[in-house]
């Protein structure tokens, strides 16, 4: 195992100290959330675990074993891809985290908990790979997020799972497809205060159907945003004029399922939405306009159309209830050829990449 240098400040950074200049050190998601935090956008507080921690965590024997496993993949054999991914993930999750890293991460989590006056603060543990959030790529969505994680030991366990998710079948297949060297793929992890969302979803600062940059499109469901991100739910859809902020289209769907916090069992649950609530709008006009307004500001900050994940915190009053969970460059219209990479092919790699494009795999939920 690589011996870590004694520099906790380089291993762990508050999101407020992250920026795009540090993307290689903290990963794309953390870098962009840091930019938004520094620009006073409403981002949940948290900290980033640096990519250097992952690099030092993988000892030389593990790297050799990983290389051997990757070398034997038969790209067009789905079983080979799946079995290799499973073996690599088992390998990574079996490695002991160096004690110095454990202490630094546990201390950062304790500080975050103390800041909110809550012992074992519920957090979201999010992968932050260095290749995601780039305007010319479609790497986003290939690694994992764990929600409602409590306690330092559980946070450490989920961080290790985030590291191993650098080798999901989707991630391996995509890197093989675009000839991105596996050894160049690094991953940070973000740990943020969990948002108990009343409503959540995604929005685009253009129309993703036709690339119209004069529109903002918002998709929303009850509860946490995972049902929208993964495509499990058919969300409400709102189209807003980017100049006037007029809501020009409202499409209310029949929303059957949501992810919600089960406070008694202290975990995230997938639950059925009551019939009387299924066709009720989960955003009102003021919330739609507030989302559109902040989305315009985020696009102006980064200079390109954005794909944004957001939530309405059920425990806060407006306007403080609106929070931004992620923002990354929209990739389909920023690089029009991206969908061609994702087309379904009569092969295992095409099947797996099609899963990335449609985001059909629900993310893992944290367990009690």
Protein backbone atom coordinates (compact mmCIF):
# COMPACT_ATOMS: atom_id res chain seq x y z
CA UNK A 1 0.00 0.00 0.00
CA UNK A 2 1.28 3.46 -0.85
CA UNK A 3 2.27 5.37 2.28
CA UNK A 4 0.25 8.59 2.45
CA UNK A 5 2.09 11.85 3.01
CA UNK A 6 1.13 13.68 6.19
CA UNK A 7 -0.93 16.42 4.56
CA UNK A 8 -4.60 16.18 5.52
CA UNK A 9 -5.23 19.61 3.97
CA UNK A 10 -4.46 18.17 0.54
CA UNK A 11 -6.58 15.06 1.15
CA UNK A 12 -9.74 16.79 2.36
CA UNK A 13 -11.05 20.18 1.23
CA UNK A 14 -14.27 21.99 2.14
CA UNK A 15 -16.38 22.50 -0.98
CA UNK A 16 -15.88 26.23 -0.47
CA UNK A 17 -12.19 25.70 -1.29
CA UNK A 18 -12.80 23.65 -4.46
CA UNK A 19 -12.80 25.13 -7.96
CA UNK A 20 -12.31 24.16 -11.59
CA UNK A 21 -8.61 24.88 -11.15
CA UNK A 22 -8.56 21.88 -8.78
CA UNK A 23 -10.58 19.53 -11.00
CA UNK A 24 -7.72 17.03 -11.31
CA UNK A 25 -7.45 16.93 -7.50
CA UNK A 26 -11.12 16.77 -6.45
CA UNK A 27 -12.98 15.51 -9.54
CA UNK A 28 -15.49 17.24 -11.78
CA UNK A 29 -18.54 17.22 -9.52
CA UNK A 30 -16.68 18.60 -6.52
CA UNK A 31 -14.89 21.21 -8.63
CA UNK A 32 -18.13 22.56 -10.06
CA UNK A 33 -19.99 22.48 -6.74
CA UNK A 34 -17.05 24.38 -5.27
CA UNK A 35 -17.36 27.00 -8.00
CA UNK A 36 -21.05 27.39 -7.22
CA UNK A 37 -20.43 27.55 -3.48
CA UNK A 38 -17.80 30.26 -3.93
CA UNK A 39 -20.22 32.19 -6.14
CA UNK A 40 -22.87 32.08 -3.35
CA UNK A 41 -25.25 29.67 -5.06
CA UNK A 42 -27.32 27.52 -2.65
CA UNK A 43 -25.25 24.33 -2.48
CA UNK A 44 -25.42 21.94 0.52
CA UNK A 45 -22.33 22.22 2.70
CA UNK A 46 -19.78 19.45 2.53
CA UNK A 47 -16.22 18.41 1.78
CA UNK A 48 -14.26 16.75 -1.00
CA UNK A 49 -12.02 13.70 -0.64
CA UNK A 50 -9.17 14.22 -3.10
CA UNK A 51 -8.28 11.95 -6.00
CA UNK A 52 -4.84 11.57 -4.38
CA UNK A 53 -6.50 9.60 -1.59
CA UNK A 54 -7.85 7.10 -4.12
CA UNK A 55 -4.46 6.90 -5.86
CA UNK A 56 -2.62 6.23 -2.60
CA UNK A 57 -5.32 3.79 -1.46
CA UNK A 58 -4.62 1.46 -4.41
CA UNK A 59 -1.41 -0.39 -3.57
CA UNK A 60 0.91 -1.73 -6.26
CA UNK A 61 -0.26 -5.36 -6.06
CA UNK A 62 -3.86 -4.17 -6.41
CA UNK A 63 -2.94 -2.11 -9.47
CA UNK A 64 -1.27 -5.11 -11.08
CA UNK A 65 -4.30 -7.28 -10.31
CA UNK A 66 -6.61 -4.61 -11.70
CA UNK A 67 -4.55 -4.39 -14.91
CA UNK A 68 -4.69 -8.17 -15.34
CA UNK A 69 -8.46 -8.19 -14.92
CA UNK A 70 -8.96 -5.37 -17.42
CA UNK A 71 -6.65 -7.02 -19.95
CA UNK A 72 -8.83 -10.12 -20.12
CA UNK A 73 -12.10 -8.32 -20.94
CA UNK A 74 -13.86 -9.43 -24.11
CA UNK A 75 -15.53 -6.13 -24.98
CA UNK A 76 -18.46 -7.61 -26.91
CA UNK A 77 -19.20 -10.23 -24.26
CA UNK A 78 -21.64 -8.85 -21.69
CA UNK A 79 -20.85 -11.64 -19.23
CA UNK A 80 -17.12 -10.89 -19.47
CA UNK A 81 -17.75 -7.19 -18.90
CA UNK A 82 -20.07 -7.80 -15.94
CA UNK A 83 -17.89 -10.45 -14.30
CA UNK A 84 -14.73 -8.35 -14.67
CA UNK A 85 -16.48 -5.33 -13.18
CA UNK A 86 -17.68 -7.43 -10.25
CA UNK A 87 -14.19 -8.84 -9.64
CA UNK A 88 -12.55 -5.41 -9.75
CA UNK A 89 -15.10 -3.92 -7.40
CA UNK A 90 -14.63 -6.77 -4.92
CA UNK A 91 -10.88 -6.22 -5.10
CA UNK A 92 -11.10 -2.48 -4.42
CA UNK A 93 -13.65 -2.88 -1.63
CA UNK A 94 -11.43 -5.45 0.10
CA UNK A 95 -8.47 -3.08 0.47
CA UNK A 96 -7.98 -1.45 3.85
CA UNK A 97 -8.10 2.35 3.88
CA UNK A 98 -4.86 3.72 5.39
CA UNK A 99 -5.40 4.87 8.97
CA UNK A 100 -4.28 8.45 8.24
CA UNK A 101 -7.00 8.77 5.60
CA UNK A 102 -9.62 7.24 7.89
CA UNK A 103 -8.83 9.77 10.60
CA UNK A 104 -8.84 12.74 8.21
CA UNK A 105 -12.19 11.75 6.70
CA UNK A 106 -13.76 10.98 10.08
CA UNK A 107 -12.57 14.35 11.42
CA UNK A 108 -14.03 16.19 8.42
CA UNK A 109 -17.35 14.38 8.88
CA UNK A 110 -17.38 15.19 12.61
CA UNK A 111 -16.75 18.86 11.83
CA UNK A 112 -19.57 18.93 9.27
CA UNK A 113 -21.92 17.28 11.77
CA UNK A 114 -20.91 19.76 14.45
CA UNK A 115 -21.54 22.70 12.11
CA UNK A 116 -25.21 21.67 11.99
CA UNK A 117 -25.45 20.57 15.61
CA UNK A 118 -26.44 17.04 14.63
CA UNK A 119 -24.57 13.95 15.77
CA UNK A 120 -23.89 11.65 12.80
CA UNK A 121 -25.32 14.12 10.30
CA UNK A 122 -27.12 12.40 7.39
CA UNK A 123 -25.07 12.98 4.25
CA UNK A 124 -24.99 12.14 0.57
CA UNK A 125 -21.76 10.48 -0.57
CA UNK A 126 -21.20 11.25 -4.25
CA UNK A 127 -18.58 10.04 -6.72
CA UNK A 128 -16.61 12.82 -8.42
CA UNK A 129 -14.50 11.45 -11.28
CA UNK A 130 -11.96 13.61 -13.07
CA UNK A 131 -13.42 12.84 -16.51
CA UNK A 132 -17.01 13.84 -15.71
CA UNK A 133 -18.51 17.32 -16.06
CA UNK A 134 -16.48 18.03 -19.20
CA UNK A 135 -18.31 19.79 -22.03
CA UNK A 136 -16.82 17.47 -24.67
CA UNK A 137 -17.58 14.17 -22.95
CA UNK A 138 -20.46 12.06 -21.66
CA UNK A 139 -18.72 10.47 -18.67
CA UNK A 140 -21.32 11.75 -16.18
CA UNK A 141 -23.69 9.34 -14.50
CA UNK A 142 -21.41 6.29 -14.64
CA UNK A 143 -20.35 6.27 -10.98
CA UNK A 144 -22.46 5.96 -7.87
CA UNK A 145 -24.11 8.10 -5.22
CA UNK A 146 -25.20 6.93 -1.78
CA UNK A 147 -27.95 8.80 0.05
CA UNK A 148 -28.78 9.27 3.73
CA UNK A 149 -25.51 7.90 5.09
CA UNK A 150 -24.94 8.33 8.84
CA UNK A 151 -21.88 7.68 11.00
CA UNK A 152 -18.17 7.86 10.16
CA UNK A 153 -17.80 4.11 9.54
CA UNK A 154 -20.69 4.13 7.07
CA UNK A 155 -19.29 7.21 5.32
CA UNK A 156 -15.92 5.46 4.93
CA UNK A 157 -17.63 2.36 3.57
CA UNK A 158 -19.57 4.35 0.99
CA UNK A 159 -16.45 6.22 -0.06
CA UNK A 160 -14.77 2.90 -0.83
CA UNK A 161 -17.84 1.87 -2.86
CA UNK A 162 -17.65 5.16 -4.78
CA UNK A 163 -14.03 4.38 -5.61
CA UNK A 164 -14.97 0.92 -6.85
CA UNK A 165 -17.76 2.40 -8.98
CA UNK A 166 -15.05 3.78 -11.25
CA UNK A 167 -15.24 0.23 -12.65
CA UNK A 168 -18.95 -0.32 -13.18
CA UNK A 169 -19.72 -2.12 -16.46
CA UNK A 170 -20.97 1.20 -17.85
CA UNK A 171 -17.79 3.06 -16.93
CA UNK A 172 -15.49 0.33 -18.25
CA UNK A 173 -17.46 0.05 -21.49
CA UNK A 174 -17.53 3.77 -22.11
CA UNK A 175 -13.79 4.18 -21.58
CA UNK A 176 -13.15 1.23 -23.89
CA UNK A 177 -15.45 2.75 -26.50
CA UNK A 178 -13.80 6.18 -26.52
CA UNK A 179 -10.30 4.78 -25.93
CA UNK A 180 -9.85 6.59 -22.63
CA UNK A 181 -7.05 4.81 -20.70
CA UNK A 182 -8.35 3.19 -17.52
CA UNK A 183 -5.21 4.22 -15.64
CA UNK A 184 -6.03 7.88 -16.38
CA UNK A 185 -9.41 7.62 -14.68
CA UNK A 186 -9.21 9.06 -11.18
CA UNK A 187 -11.98 9.68 -8.69
CA UNK A 188 -12.67 11.99 -5.80
CA UNK A 189 -15.67 11.78 -3.50
CA UNK A 190 -18.00 14.49 -2.23
CA UNK A 191 -19.67 14.27 1.19
CA UNK A 192 -22.56 16.74 1.59
CA UNK A 193 -25.33 17.42 4.05
CA UNK A 194 -28.32 15.41 2.91
CA UNK A 195 -31.34 17.32 1.60
CA UNK A 196 -34.72 15.86 2.55
CA UNK A 197 -36.47 16.92 -0.64
CA UNK A 198 -40.18 17.59 -0.97
CA UNK A 199 -39.69 17.82 -4.75
CA UNK A 200 -36.62 17.43 -6.90
CA UNK A 201 -35.44 16.80 -10.42
CA UNK A 202 -33.32 18.06 -13.27
CA UNK A 203 -33.35 21.07 -15.53
CA UNK A 204 -31.61 22.08 -18.72
CA UNK A 205 -30.78 25.63 -19.76
CA UNK A 206 -31.79 24.71 -23.29
CA UNK A 207 -34.47 22.47 -24.73
CA UNK A 208 -32.82 19.02 -24.78
CA UNK A 209 -35.22 17.87 -27.50
CA UNK A 210 -34.05 20.39 -30.10
CA UNK A 211 -31.21 22.45 -28.63
CA UNK A 212 -33.25 25.67 -28.41
CA UNK A 213 -31.17 27.91 -26.13
CA UNK A 214 -34.01 30.38 -25.61
CA UNK A 215 -35.81 27.88 -23.37
CA UNK A 216 -35.28 26.29 -19.97
CA UNK A 217 -36.79 22.84 -19.41
CA UNK A 218 -37.51 21.61 -15.88
CA UNK A 219 -38.43 18.03 -14.96
CA UNK A 220 -39.75 17.35 -11.45
CA UNK A 221 -41.16 14.64 -9.21
CA UNK A 222 -42.09 14.33 -5.56
CA UNK A 223 -39.35 13.31 -3.15
CA UNK A 224 -35.67 12.88 -3.95
CA UNK A 225 -34.46 13.45 -7.49
CA UNK A 226 -33.21 9.90 -8.09
CA UNK A 227 -36.54 8.84 -9.60
CA UNK A 228 -36.10 11.52 -12.28
CA UNK A 229 -32.36 11.05 -12.85
CA UNK A 230 -32.73 7.28 -13.33
CA UNK A 231 -35.88 7.49 -15.45
CA UNK A 232 -37.96 5.43 -13.02
CA UNK A 233 -40.67 8.09 -12.87
CA UNK A 234 -42.31 10.08 -15.64
CA UNK A 235 -41.82 13.58 -14.24
CA UNK A 236 -43.80 16.77 -14.59
CA UNK A 237 -42.27 18.94 -17.31
CA UNK A 238 -42.19 22.71 -17.50
CA UNK A 239 -40.84 24.88 -20.31
CA UNK A 240 -39.82 28.44 -19.46
CA UNK A 241 -38.88 31.31 -21.75
CA UNK A 242 -35.30 32.14 -20.79
CA UNK A 243 -35.70 35.87 -21.45
CA UNK A 244 -39.11 36.67 -19.96
CA UNK A 245 -39.23 33.76 -17.44
CA UNK A 246 -42.79 33.07 -18.60
CA UNK A 247 -43.90 29.48 -18.04
CA UNK A 248 -45.01 28.61 -21.57
CA UNK A 249 -45.68 24.87 -21.16
CA UNK A 250 -46.83 22.68 -18.26
CA UNK A 251 -47.11 18.93 -18.66
CA UNK A 252 -48.33 17.12 -15.53
CA UNK A 253 -47.67 13.40 -15.56
CA UNK A 254 -49.08 10.57 -13.49
CA UNK A 255 -46.26 10.16 -11.00
CA UNK A 256 -46.44 6.71 -9.39
CA UNK A 257 -43.20 6.37 -7.41
CA UNK A 258 -40.84 8.52 -5.38
CA UNK A 259 -37.77 8.10 -3.21
CA UNK A 260 -38.30 9.44 0.30
CA UNK A 261 -36.60 9.39 3.69
CA UNK A 262 -38.00 6.83 6.12
CA UNK A 263 -37.11 8.58 9.39
CA UNK A 264 -38.23 5.65 11.55
CA UNK A 265 -35.93 3.19 9.79
CA UNK A 266 -33.34 5.89 9.00
CA UNK A 267 -32.98 5.10 5.31
CA UNK A 268 -34.14 5.98 1.82
CA UNK A 269 -37.17 4.08 0.56
CA UNK A 270 -38.83 3.73 -2.81
CA UNK A 271 -42.52 4.35 -2.12
CA UNK A 272 -45.74 4.55 -4.08
CA UNK A 273 -47.23 8.03 -4.45
CA UNK A 274 -50.85 8.21 -3.22
CA UNK A 275 -53.37 8.29 -6.05
CA UNK A 276 -54.69 11.73 -5.10
CA UNK A 277 -51.16 13.18 -5.33
CA UNK A 278 -50.02 11.53 -8.55
CA UNK A 279 -51.30 14.18 -10.96
CA UNK A 280 -50.77 17.13 -8.63
CA UNK A 281 -48.08 19.58 -9.72
CA UNK A 282 -44.99 19.20 -7.55
CA UNK A 283 -43.85 22.76 -8.31
CA UNK A 284 -45.86 25.97 -8.18
CA UNK A 285 -45.33 28.91 -10.52
CA UNK A 286 -43.10 30.83 -8.10
CA UNK A 287 -40.84 27.79 -7.67
CA UNK A 288 -40.61 27.25 -11.42
CA UNK A 289 -39.60 30.87 -11.97
CA UNK A 290 -37.11 30.76 -9.09
CA UNK A 291 -35.49 27.66 -10.60
CA UNK A 292 -35.33 29.25 -14.04
CA UNK A 293 -33.81 32.43 -12.63
CA UNK A 294 -31.06 30.60 -10.77
CA UNK A 295 -30.44 28.34 -13.78
CA UNK A 296 -29.80 31.41 -15.95
CA UNK A 297 -27.25 32.66 -13.43
CA UNK A 298 -25.50 29.29 -13.33
CA UNK A 299 -25.30 29.18 -17.13
CA UNK A 300 -23.86 32.69 -17.14
CA UNK A 301 -21.31 31.65 -14.52
CA UNK A 302 -20.02 28.69 -16.53
CA UNK A 303 -20.59 30.15 -19.99
CA UNK A 304 -22.24 27.08 -21.56
CA UNK A 305 -25.68 25.42 -21.32
CA UNK A 306 -26.05 23.39 -18.15
CA UNK A 307 -27.62 20.13 -16.96
CA UNK A 308 -28.60 20.88 -13.34
CA UNK A 309 -29.89 18.70 -10.50
CA UNK A 310 -31.93 20.57 -7.89
CA UNK A 311 -34.19 20.00 -4.89
CA UNK A 312 -36.76 21.79 -2.76
CA UNK A 313 -35.87 21.20 0.92
CA UNK A 314 -39.04 20.33 2.83
CA UNK A 315 -37.57 21.65 6.10
CA UNK A 316 -36.77 25.17 4.90
CA UNK A 317 -38.99 28.07 3.89
CA UNK A 318 -38.71 29.82 0.56
CA UNK A 319 -36.58 31.16 -0.94
CA UNK A 320 -33.97 29.27 1.11
CA UNK A 321 -35.61 25.93 0.29
CA UNK A 322 -34.21 25.79 -3.26
CA UNK A 323 -30.86 23.99 -3.42
CA UNK A 324 -28.53 23.01 -6.24
CA UNK A 325 -27.13 19.47 -6.03
CA UNK A 326 -25.08 19.39 -9.22
CA UNK A 327 -24.42 21.33 -12.40
CA UNK A 328 -22.47 20.13 -15.40
CA UNK A 329 -22.19 21.09 -19.06
CA UNK A 330 -25.01 19.77 -21.21
CA UNK A 331 -23.25 17.31 -23.52
CA UNK A 332 -25.69 16.41 -26.31
CA UNK A 333 -25.99 19.85 -27.89
CA UNK A 334 -22.59 21.12 -26.75
CA UNK A 335 -21.19 18.29 -28.84
CA UNK A 336 -23.88 17.13 -31.22
CA UNK A 337 -22.16 13.85 -32.02
CA UNK A 338 -22.38 12.57 -28.42
CA UNK A 339 -25.64 10.63 -29.00
CA UNK A 340 -23.97 8.74 -31.85
CA UNK A 341 -21.59 7.22 -29.30
CA UNK A 342 -24.57 6.07 -27.30
CA UNK A 343 -26.53 4.37 -30.10
CA UNK A 344 -27.52 0.80 -29.34
CA UNK A 345 -25.22 -1.64 -31.10
CA UNK A 346 -25.73 -5.39 -31.53
CA UNK A 347 -23.05 -6.03 -28.91
CA UNK A 348 -22.50 -6.12 -25.18
CA UNK A 349 -20.76 -2.77 -25.13
CA UNK A 350 -23.63 -1.19 -27.05
CA UNK A 351 -26.12 -2.63 -24.59
CA UNK A 352 -24.22 -1.25 -21.60
CA UNK A 353 -23.72 2.18 -23.19
CA UNK A 354 -27.41 2.32 -24.00
CA UNK A 355 -28.00 1.91 -20.26
CA UNK A 356 -25.83 4.97 -19.59
CA UNK A 357 -27.66 7.05 -22.15
CA UNK A 358 -31.08 6.23 -20.75
CA UNK A 359 -29.91 6.14 -17.11
CA UNK A 360 -32.00 3.06 -16.52
CA UNK A 361 -30.06 1.79 -13.52
CA UNK A 362 -31.42 3.17 -10.25
CA UNK A 363 -28.65 4.27 -7.90
CA UNK A 364 -27.91 2.26 -4.79
CA UNK A 365 -29.77 3.44 -1.73
CA UNK A 366 -27.97 3.62 1.58
CA UNK A 367 -28.93 0.91 4.03
CA UNK A 368 -29.53 1.30 7.74
